[in-house]
């Protein structure tokens, strides 16, 4: 029996996978601790902004296999997160980013 995996198209983690067991059966497992390609790209975008003190939005490097429009979304997300972290006062909760 083939088990369909949940939709993970916008996940930032390795996510759900089928692992073959010793008895030949498949077991559904979740890896929510390791970043997938999109999660690694988002993390790199944040680091870029912090290290170079410039916006990553519009950077032409896109990890192979990552959709260019999704990469742009991740760049914008990283940029908003870094801006929000720089503008909030120490000890106060971050305001929602629009």
N, C-alpha and C. Protein backbone atom coordinates (compact mmCIF):
# COMPACT_ATOMS: atom_id res chain seq x y z
N UNK A 1 0.84 -1.18 0.00
CA UNK A 1 0.00 0.00 0.00
C UNK A 1 0.88 1.25 0.00
N UNK A 2 0.63 2.16 -0.90
CA UNK A 2 1.38 3.41 -1.02
C UNK A 2 0.69 4.47 -0.17
N UNK A 3 1.41 5.10 0.72
CA UNK A 3 0.87 6.16 1.57
C UNK A 3 1.28 7.51 0.99
N UNK A 4 0.31 8.40 0.79
CA UNK A 4 0.61 9.73 0.27
C UNK A 4 1.10 10.60 1.42
N UNK A 5 2.13 11.38 1.14
CA UNK A 5 2.67 12.30 2.14
C UNK A 5 1.82 13.56 2.17
N UNK A 6 1.74 14.23 3.33
CA UNK A 6 1.02 15.51 3.41
C UNK A 6 1.67 16.54 2.50
N UNK A 7 0.91 17.53 2.07
CA UNK A 7 1.43 18.61 1.23
C UNK A 7 2.47 19.39 2.03
N UNK A 8 3.67 19.48 1.50
CA UNK A 8 4.77 20.18 2.19
C UNK A 8 5.36 21.28 1.32
N UNK A 9 4.58 21.77 0.36
CA UNK A 9 5.12 22.69 -0.64
C UNK A 9 5.70 23.97 -0.05
N UNK A 10 5.23 24.42 1.09
CA UNK A 10 5.77 25.65 1.67
C UNK A 10 6.38 25.42 3.06
N UNK A 11 6.79 24.20 3.30
CA UNK A 11 7.45 23.88 4.56
C UNK A 11 8.88 24.38 4.54
N UNK A 12 9.41 24.70 5.69
CA UNK A 12 10.82 25.10 5.81
C UNK A 12 11.65 23.99 6.45
N UNK A 13 11.02 22.86 6.71
CA UNK A 13 11.69 21.73 7.34
C UNK A 13 11.76 20.55 6.38
N UNK A 14 12.63 19.59 6.69
CA UNK A 14 12.71 18.38 5.89
C UNK A 14 11.33 17.74 5.82
N UNK A 15 10.64 17.68 6.93
CA UNK A 15 9.24 17.29 6.95
C UNK A 15 8.97 15.80 6.97
N UNK A 16 7.82 15.45 6.41
CA UNK A 16 7.35 14.07 6.42
C UNK A 16 8.11 13.23 5.41
N UNK A 17 8.33 11.98 5.78
CA UNK A 17 9.01 11.06 4.87
C UNK A 17 8.58 9.64 5.23
N UNK A 18 8.69 8.77 4.27
CA UNK A 18 8.42 7.36 4.51
C UNK A 18 9.76 6.66 4.68
N UNK A 19 9.89 5.92 5.75
CA UNK A 19 11.13 5.18 6.01
C UNK A 19 10.82 3.69 5.97
N UNK A 20 11.58 2.96 5.15
CA UNK A 20 11.38 1.53 5.05
C UNK A 20 11.92 0.85 6.31
N UNK A 21 11.08 0.00 6.90
CA UNK A 21 11.43 -0.73 8.12
C UNK A 21 12.09 -2.06 7.76
N UNK A 22 12.70 -2.69 8.73
CA UNK A 22 13.37 -3.98 8.50
C UNK A 22 12.42 -5.04 7.98
N UNK A 23 11.15 -4.96 8.39
CA UNK A 23 10.18 -5.96 7.94
C UNK A 23 9.61 -5.65 6.56
N UNK A 24 10.09 -4.57 5.92
CA UNK A 24 9.65 -4.20 4.57
C UNK A 24 8.51 -3.20 4.55
N UNK A 25 7.92 -2.94 5.69
CA UNK A 25 6.82 -1.97 5.74
C UNK A 25 7.39 -0.55 5.75
N UNK A 26 6.53 0.41 5.46
CA UNK A 26 6.90 1.82 5.50
C UNK A 26 6.33 2.45 6.75
N UNK A 27 7.11 3.33 7.35
CA UNK A 27 6.65 4.05 8.53
C UNK A 27 6.76 5.55 8.23
N UNK A 28 5.67 6.26 8.50
CA UNK A 28 5.64 7.70 8.30
C UNK A 28 6.38 8.37 9.44
N UNK A 29 7.34 9.23 9.12
CA UNK A 29 8.12 9.93 10.13
C UNK A 29 8.19 11.41 9.82
N UNK A 30 8.43 12.21 10.85
CA UNK A 30 8.51 13.67 10.69
C UNK A 30 9.85 14.18 11.20
N UNK A 31 10.51 14.98 10.38
CA UNK A 31 11.73 15.64 10.80
C UNK A 31 11.44 17.14 10.81
N UNK A 32 11.12 17.67 11.96
CA UNK A 32 10.82 19.09 12.10
C UNK A 32 11.99 19.88 12.67
N UNK A 33 13.17 19.26 12.69
CA UNK A 33 14.34 19.90 13.28
C UNK A 33 15.37 20.36 12.24
N UNK A 34 15.32 19.80 11.05
CA UNK A 34 16.31 20.13 10.04
C UNK A 34 15.66 20.91 8.90
N UNK A 35 16.34 21.94 8.45
CA UNK A 35 15.82 22.78 7.38
C UNK A 35 15.92 22.07 6.04
N UNK A 36 14.91 22.30 5.20
CA UNK A 36 15.00 21.85 3.82
C UNK A 36 15.65 22.96 3.00
N UNK A 37 15.62 22.86 1.69
CA UNK A 37 16.27 23.86 0.84
C UNK A 37 15.73 25.27 1.10
N UNK A 38 14.41 25.39 1.21
CA UNK A 38 13.82 26.71 1.45
C UNK A 38 14.20 27.25 2.83
N UNK A 39 14.22 26.39 3.83
CA UNK A 39 14.61 26.81 5.18
C UNK A 39 16.06 27.25 5.24
N UNK A 40 16.93 26.52 4.54
CA UNK A 40 18.34 26.91 4.48
C UNK A 40 18.51 28.25 3.78
N UNK A 41 17.75 28.45 2.70
CA UNK A 41 17.83 29.71 1.95
C UNK A 41 17.35 30.88 2.82
N UNK A 42 16.24 30.68 3.54
CA UNK A 42 15.74 31.74 4.43
C UNK A 42 16.77 32.09 5.49
N UNK A 43 17.37 31.08 6.09
CA UNK A 43 18.40 31.33 7.10
C UNK A 43 19.59 32.08 6.52
N UNK A 44 19.98 31.71 5.31
CA UNK A 44 21.10 32.39 4.65
C UNK A 44 20.76 33.85 4.36
N UNK A 45 19.51 34.10 3.99
CA UNK A 45 19.08 35.48 3.72
C UNK A 45 19.16 36.34 4.98
N UNK A 46 18.76 35.77 6.11
CA UNK A 46 18.85 36.50 7.38
C UNK A 46 20.31 36.81 7.70
N UNK A 47 21.16 35.80 7.59
CA UNK A 47 22.58 36.00 7.86
C UNK A 47 23.17 37.06 6.94
N UNK A 48 22.81 37.03 5.67
CA UNK A 48 23.32 38.01 4.71
C UNK A 48 22.99 39.43 5.18
N UNK A 49 21.73 39.64 5.54
CA UNK A 49 21.30 40.97 5.99
C UNK A 49 22.06 41.42 7.24
N UNK A 50 22.23 40.51 8.19
CA UNK A 50 22.89 40.86 9.44
C UNK A 50 24.38 41.11 9.22
N UNK A 51 25.03 40.24 8.47
CA UNK A 51 26.48 40.36 8.27
C UNK A 51 26.88 41.53 7.39
N UNK A 52 26.11 41.77 6.32
CA UNK A 52 26.49 42.82 5.37
C UNK A 52 25.73 44.12 5.58
N UNK A 53 24.75 44.12 6.50
CA UNK A 53 23.97 45.32 6.79
C UNK A 53 23.38 45.93 5.52
N UNK A 54 22.87 45.06 4.66
CA UNK A 54 22.17 45.52 3.45
C UNK A 54 21.05 44.55 3.13
N UNK A 55 20.08 45.04 2.39
CA UNK A 55 18.92 44.23 2.05
C UNK A 55 19.29 43.08 1.12
N UNK A 56 18.73 41.94 1.38
CA UNK A 56 18.93 40.77 0.53
C UNK A 56 17.91 40.75 -0.61
N UNK A 57 16.87 41.58 -0.50
CA UNK A 57 15.80 41.58 -1.50
C UNK A 57 16.37 41.99 -2.86
N UNK A 58 16.16 41.14 -3.82
CA UNK A 58 16.68 41.39 -5.17
C UNK A 58 17.99 40.70 -5.46
N UNK A 59 18.58 40.05 -4.46
CA UNK A 59 19.81 39.29 -4.69
C UNK A 59 19.52 38.24 -5.75
N UNK A 60 20.40 38.09 -6.72
CA UNK A 60 20.14 37.21 -7.85
C UNK A 60 20.46 35.75 -7.59
N UNK A 61 21.15 35.45 -6.48
CA UNK A 61 21.44 34.04 -6.21
C UNK A 61 20.19 33.34 -5.70
N UNK A 62 19.85 32.25 -6.36
CA UNK A 62 18.75 31.39 -5.93
C UNK A 62 19.29 29.97 -5.91
N UNK A 63 19.10 29.29 -4.79
CA UNK A 63 19.55 27.92 -4.65
C UNK A 63 18.94 27.07 -5.77
N UNK A 64 19.74 26.26 -6.45
CA UNK A 64 19.19 25.40 -7.49
C UNK A 64 18.04 24.55 -6.94
N UNK A 65 16.96 24.48 -7.72
CA UNK A 65 15.79 23.71 -7.32
C UNK A 65 14.75 24.52 -6.59
N UNK A 66 15.07 25.75 -6.22
CA UNK A 66 14.13 26.62 -5.51
C UNK A 66 13.48 27.56 -6.53
N UNK A 67 12.17 27.64 -6.50
CA UNK A 67 11.43 28.50 -7.41
C UNK A 67 11.84 29.96 -7.19
N UNK A 68 12.08 30.71 -8.27
CA UNK A 68 12.56 32.09 -8.14
C UNK A 68 11.57 33.00 -7.44
N UNK A 69 10.29 32.81 -7.69
CA UNK A 69 9.30 33.68 -7.01
C UNK A 69 9.21 33.33 -5.52
N UNK A 70 9.37 32.06 -5.18
CA UNK A 70 9.37 31.67 -3.77
C UNK A 70 10.64 32.18 -3.08
N UNK A 71 11.77 32.16 -3.80
CA UNK A 71 13.01 32.71 -3.25
C UNK A 71 12.85 34.20 -2.97
N UNK A 72 12.18 34.92 -3.85
CA UNK A 72 11.93 36.35 -3.64
C UNK A 72 11.07 36.56 -2.38
N UNK A 73 10.05 35.72 -2.21
CA UNK A 73 9.21 35.78 -1.01
C UNK A 73 10.05 35.54 0.24
N UNK A 74 10.95 34.57 0.20
CA UNK A 74 11.82 34.28 1.35
C UNK A 74 12.77 35.45 1.63
N UNK A 75 13.28 36.08 0.57
CA UNK A 75 14.14 37.26 0.74
C UNK A 75 13.37 38.37 1.46
N UNK A 76 12.14 38.63 1.01
CA UNK A 76 11.32 39.68 1.61
C UNK A 76 10.97 39.35 3.06
N UNK A 77 10.72 38.08 3.33
CA UNK A 77 10.41 37.65 4.69
C UNK A 77 11.61 37.87 5.61
N UNK A 78 12.80 37.48 5.14
CA UNK A 78 14.01 37.68 5.93
C UNK A 78 14.25 39.17 6.18
N UNK A 79 14.06 39.98 5.15
CA UNK A 79 14.27 41.42 5.28
C UNK A 79 13.34 42.02 6.32
N UNK A 80 12.05 41.65 6.27
CA UNK A 80 11.09 42.16 7.25
C UNK A 80 11.45 41.72 8.66
N UNK A 81 11.89 40.49 8.81
CA UNK A 81 12.24 39.97 10.14
C UNK A 81 13.45 40.71 10.71
N UNK A 82 14.45 40.95 9.88
CA UNK A 82 15.64 41.66 10.35
C UNK A 82 15.29 43.11 10.70
N UNK A 83 14.49 43.76 9.86
CA UNK A 83 14.07 45.13 10.17
C UNK A 83 13.30 45.18 11.48
N UNK A 84 12.40 44.24 11.68
CA UNK A 84 11.61 44.21 12.91
C UNK A 84 12.50 44.00 14.12
N UNK A 85 13.50 43.16 14.01
CA UNK A 85 14.37 42.91 15.15
C UNK A 85 15.24 44.12 15.47
N UNK A 86 15.55 44.92 14.48
CA UNK A 86 16.38 46.11 14.70
C UNK A 86 15.59 47.27 15.27
N UNK A 87 14.30 47.32 15.00
CA UNK A 87 13.52 48.48 15.42
C UNK A 87 12.81 48.30 16.74
N UNK A 88 12.73 47.08 17.25
CA UNK A 88 12.02 46.89 18.52
C UNK A 88 12.95 47.19 19.70
N UNK A 89 12.36 47.63 20.78
CA UNK A 89 13.13 47.94 21.98
C UNK A 89 13.45 46.64 22.72
N UNK A 90 14.59 46.61 23.33
CA UNK A 90 15.03 45.44 24.07
C UNK A 90 14.02 45.11 25.17
N UNK A 91 13.59 43.86 25.21
CA UNK A 91 12.68 43.42 26.25
C UNK A 91 11.21 43.58 25.91
N UNK A 92 10.89 44.15 24.75
CA UNK A 92 9.50 44.28 24.36
C UNK A 92 9.19 43.27 23.26
N UNK A 93 7.98 42.75 23.23
CA UNK A 93 7.65 41.79 22.19
C UNK A 93 7.63 42.44 20.81
N UNK A 94 7.95 41.67 19.81
CA UNK A 94 7.97 42.19 18.45
C UNK A 94 6.55 42.45 17.98
N UNK A 95 6.36 43.55 17.26
CA UNK A 95 5.06 43.86 16.67
C UNK A 95 4.87 43.00 15.43
N UNK A 96 3.64 42.67 15.10
CA UNK A 96 3.41 41.89 13.88
C UNK A 96 3.88 42.66 12.66
N UNK A 97 4.50 41.95 11.72
CA UNK A 97 5.00 42.57 10.49
C UNK A 97 3.94 42.45 9.42
N UNK A 98 3.63 43.54 8.76
CA UNK A 98 2.60 43.52 7.71
C UNK A 98 3.24 43.48 6.36
